[in-house]
Amino acid sequence: MIMSGFGRRLTYKQLIVNIWLNIWFYFFNKNYIEYLS
């Protein structure tokens, strides 16, 4: 309840960070798998 307003304010920033991390991990894992095989 206290975090609701705080969370709403950070939603956009967290969304951008989550998308960026997902893309980074996707390429990192792809390159790592290609390196192992």
PDB file of N, CA and C in Angstrom:
ATOM      1  N   MET A   1       0.833  -1.197   0.000  1.00  0.00           N
ATOM      2  CA  MET A   1       0.000   0.000   0.000  1.00  0.00           C
ATOM      3  C   MET A   1       0.872   1.253   0.000  1.00  0.00           C
ATOM      4  N   ILE A   2       1.904   1.232   0.816  1.00  0.00           N
ATOM      5  CA  ILE A   2       2.824   2.370   0.834  1.00  0.00           C
ATOM      6  C   ILE A   2       3.647   2.386  -0.457  1.00  0.00           C
ATOM      7  N   MET A   3       3.920   1.194  -0.993  1.00  0.00           N
ATOM      8  CA  MET A   3       4.763   1.087  -2.177  1.00  0.00           C
ATOM      9  C   MET A   3       3.996   1.334  -3.478  1.00  0.00           C
ATOM     10  N   SER A   4       2.661   1.422  -3.413  1.00  0.00           N
ATOM     11  CA  SER A   4       1.862   1.516  -4.637  1.00  0.00           C
ATOM     12  C   SER A   4       2.224   2.761  -5.451  1.00  0.00           C
ATOM     13  N   GLY A   5       2.235   3.923  -4.824  1.00  0.00           N
ATOM     14  CA  GLY A   5       2.585   5.145  -5.533  1.00  0.00           C
ATOM     15  C   GLY A   5       4.040   5.130  -5.964  1.00  0.00           C
ATOM     16  N   PHE A   6       4.901   4.601  -5.089  1.00  0.00           N
ATOM     17  CA  PHE A   6       6.328   4.510  -5.398  1.00  0.00           C
ATOM     18  C   PHE A   6       6.550   3.562  -6.573  1.00  0.00           C
ATOM     19  N   GLY A   7       5.842   2.437  -6.580  1.00  0.00           N
ATOM     20  CA  GLY A   7       5.973   1.459  -7.660  1.00  0.00           C
ATOM     21  C   GLY A   7       5.454   2.000  -8.976  1.00  0.00           C
ATOM     22  N   ARG A   8       4.346   2.761  -8.920  1.00  0.00           N
ATOM     23  CA  ARG A   8       3.783   3.302 -10.150  1.00  0.00           C
ATOM     24  C   ARG A   8       4.766   4.277 -10.794  1.00  0.00           C
ATOM     25  N   ARG A   9       5.514   4.998  -9.976  1.00  0.00           N
ATOM     26  CA  ARG A   9       6.444   5.976 -10.506  1.00  0.00           C
ATOM     27  C   ARG A   9       7.635   5.291 -11.169  1.00  0.00           C
ATOM     28  N   LEU A  10       8.003   4.092 -10.692  1.00  0.00           N
ATOM     29  CA  LEU A  10       9.179   3.404 -11.228  1.00  0.00           C
ATOM     30  C   LEU A  10       8.839   2.393 -12.317  1.00  0.00           C
ATOM     31  N   THR A  11       7.553   2.226 -12.601  1.00  0.00           N
ATOM     32  CA  THR A  11       7.149   1.178 -13.540  1.00  0.00           C
ATOM     33  C   THR A  11       7.837   1.340 -14.896  1.00  0.00           C
ATOM     34  N   TYR A  12       7.840   2.554 -15.449  1.00  0.00           N
ATOM     35  CA  TYR A  12       8.409   2.775 -16.782  1.00  0.00           C
ATOM     36  C   TYR A  12       9.906   2.489 -16.782  1.00  0.00           C
ATOM     37  N   LYS A  13      10.607   2.968 -15.755  1.00  0.00           N
ATOM     38  CA  LYS A  13      12.054   2.742 -15.667  1.00  0.00           C
ATOM     39  C   LYS A  13      12.353   1.258 -15.521  1.00  0.00           C
ATOM     40  N   GLN A  14      11.586   0.566 -14.683  1.00  0.00           N
ATOM     41  CA  GLN A  14      11.803  -0.868 -14.494  1.00  0.00           C
ATOM     42  C   GLN A  14      11.528  -1.626 -15.777  1.00  0.00           C
ATOM     43  N   LEU A  15      10.526  -1.187 -16.546  1.00  0.00           N
ATOM     44  CA  LEU A  15      10.196  -1.845 -17.809  1.00  0.00           C
ATOM     45  C   LEU A  15      11.369  -1.746 -18.778  1.00  0.00           C
ATOM     46  N   ILE A  16      11.946  -0.559 -18.906  1.00  0.00           N
ATOM     47  CA  ILE A  16      13.089  -0.364 -19.799  1.00  0.00           C
ATOM     48  C   ILE A  16      14.269  -1.216 -19.353  1.00  0.00           C
ATOM     49  N   VAL A  17      14.545  -1.234 -18.044  1.00  0.00           N
ATOM     50  CA  VAL A  17      15.668  -2.021 -17.520  1.00  0.00           C
ATOM     51  C   VAL A  17      15.438  -3.504 -17.758  1.00  0.00           C
ATOM     52  N   ASN A  18      14.206  -3.973 -17.530  1.00  0.00           N
ATOM     53  CA  ASN A  18      13.913  -5.392 -17.724  1.00  0.00           C
ATOM     54  C   ASN A  18      14.072  -5.800 -19.178  1.00  0.00           C
ATOM     55  N   ILE A  19      13.594  -4.965 -20.103  1.00  0.00           N
ATOM     56  CA  ILE A  19      13.728  -5.276 -21.530  1.00  0.00           C
ATOM     57  C   ILE A  19      15.208  -5.307 -21.913  1.00  0.00           C
ATOM     58  N   TRP A  20      15.987  -4.326 -21.419  1.00  0.00           N
ATOM     59  CA  TRP A  20      17.414  -4.256 -21.753  1.00  0.00           C
ATOM     60  C   TRP A  20      18.146  -5.478 -21.226  1.00  0.00           C
ATOM     61  N   LEU A  21      17.823  -5.899 -19.982  1.00  0.00           N
ATOM     62  CA  LEU A  21      18.473  -7.080 -19.410  1.00  0.00           C
ATOM     63  C   LEU A  21      18.081  -8.337 -20.167  1.00  0.00           C
ATOM     64  N   ASN A  22      16.812  -8.438 -20.582  1.00  0.00           N
ATOM     65  CA  ASN A  22      16.373  -9.621 -21.327  1.00  0.00           C
ATOM     66  C   ASN A  22      17.115  -9.735 -22.649  1.00  0.00           C
ATOM     67  N   ILE A  23      17.279  -8.612 -23.348  1.00  0.00           N
ATOM     68  CA  ILE A  23      18.012  -8.625 -24.617  1.00  0.00           C
ATOM     69  C   ILE A  23      19.469  -8.986 -24.372  1.00  0.00           C
ATOM     70  N   TRP A  24      20.074  -8.419 -23.317  1.00  0.00           N
ATOM     71  CA  TRP A  24      21.487  -8.680 -23.020  1.00  0.00           C
ATOM     72  C   TRP A  24      21.707 -10.147 -22.690  1.00  0.00           C
ATOM     73  N   PHE A  25      20.835 -10.705 -21.834  1.00  0.00           N
ATOM     74  CA  PHE A  25      20.986 -12.117 -21.472  1.00  0.00           C
ATOM     75  C   PHE A  25      20.739 -13.021 -22.674  1.00  0.00           C
ATOM     76  N   TYR A  26      19.816 -12.627 -23.558  1.00  0.00           N
ATOM     77  CA  TYR A  26      19.533 -13.429 -24.747  1.00  0.00           C
ATOM     78  C   TYR A  26      20.784 -13.537 -25.620  1.00  0.00           C
ATOM     79  N   PHE A  27      21.429 -12.407 -25.913  1.00  0.00           N
ATOM     80  CA  PHE A  27      22.625 -12.432 -26.752  1.00  0.00           C
ATOM     81  C   PHE A  27      23.789 -13.092 -26.033  1.00  0.00           C
ATOM     82  N   PHE A  28      23.895 -12.871 -24.720  1.00  0.00           N
ATOM     83  CA  PHE A  28      24.979 -13.478 -23.946  1.00  0.00           C
ATOM     84  C   PHE A  28      24.853 -14.997 -23.966  1.00  0.00           C
ATOM     85  N   ASN A  29      23.653 -15.507 -23.733  1.00  0.00           N
ATOM     86  CA  ASN A  29      23.447 -16.953 -23.727  1.00  0.00           C
ATOM     87  C   ASN A  29      23.657 -17.541 -25.115  1.00  0.00           C
ATOM     88  N   LYS A  30      23.212 -16.833 -26.154  1.00  0.00           N
ATOM     89  CA  LYS A  30      23.363 -17.325 -27.524  1.00  0.00           C
ATOM     90  C   LYS A  30      24.846 -17.426 -27.879  1.00  0.00           C
ATOM     91  N   ASN A  31      25.612 -16.396 -27.561  1.00  0.00           N
ATOM     92  CA  ASN A  31      27.047 -16.413 -27.863  1.00  0.00           C
ATOM     93  C   ASN A  31      27.759 -17.464 -27.032  1.00  0.00           C
ATOM     94  N   TYR A  32      27.326 -17.646 -25.786  1.00  0.00           N
ATOM     95  CA  TYR A  32      27.967 -18.618 -24.903  1.00  0.00           C
ATOM     96  C   TYR A  32      27.720 -20.035 -25.395  1.00  0.00           C
ATOM     97  N   ILE A  33      26.497 -20.299 -25.860  1.00  0.00           N
ATOM     98  CA  ILE A  33      26.172 -21.635 -26.379  1.00  0.00           C
ATOM     99  C   ILE A  33      26.956 -21.895 -27.672  1.00  0.00           C
ATOM    100  N   GLU A  34      27.065 -20.893 -28.529  1.00  0.00           N
ATOM    101  CA  GLU A  34      27.823 -21.069 -29.773  1.00  0.00           C
ATOM    102  C   GLU A  34      29.300 -21.286 -29.462  1.00  0.00           C
ATOM    103  N   TYR A  35      29.789 -20.646 -28.404  1.00  0.00           N
ATOM    104  CA  TYR A  35      31.192 -20.799 -28.025  1.00  0.00           C
ATOM    105  C   TYR A  35      31.460 -22.212 -27.508  1.00  0.00           C
ATOM    106  N   LEU A  36      30.492 -22.793 -26.800  1.00  0.00           N
ATOM    107  CA  LEU A  36      30.677 -24.136 -26.241  1.00  0.00           C
ATOM    108  C   LEU A  36      30.572 -25.220 -27.304  1.00  0.00           C
ATOM    109  N   SER A  37      29.759 -24.984 -28.323  1.00  0.00           N
ATOM    110  CA  SER A  37      29.515 -26.061 -29.290  1.00  0.00           C
ATOM    111  C   SER A  37      30.558 -26.094 -30.403  1.00  0.00           C
TER     112      SER A  37
END
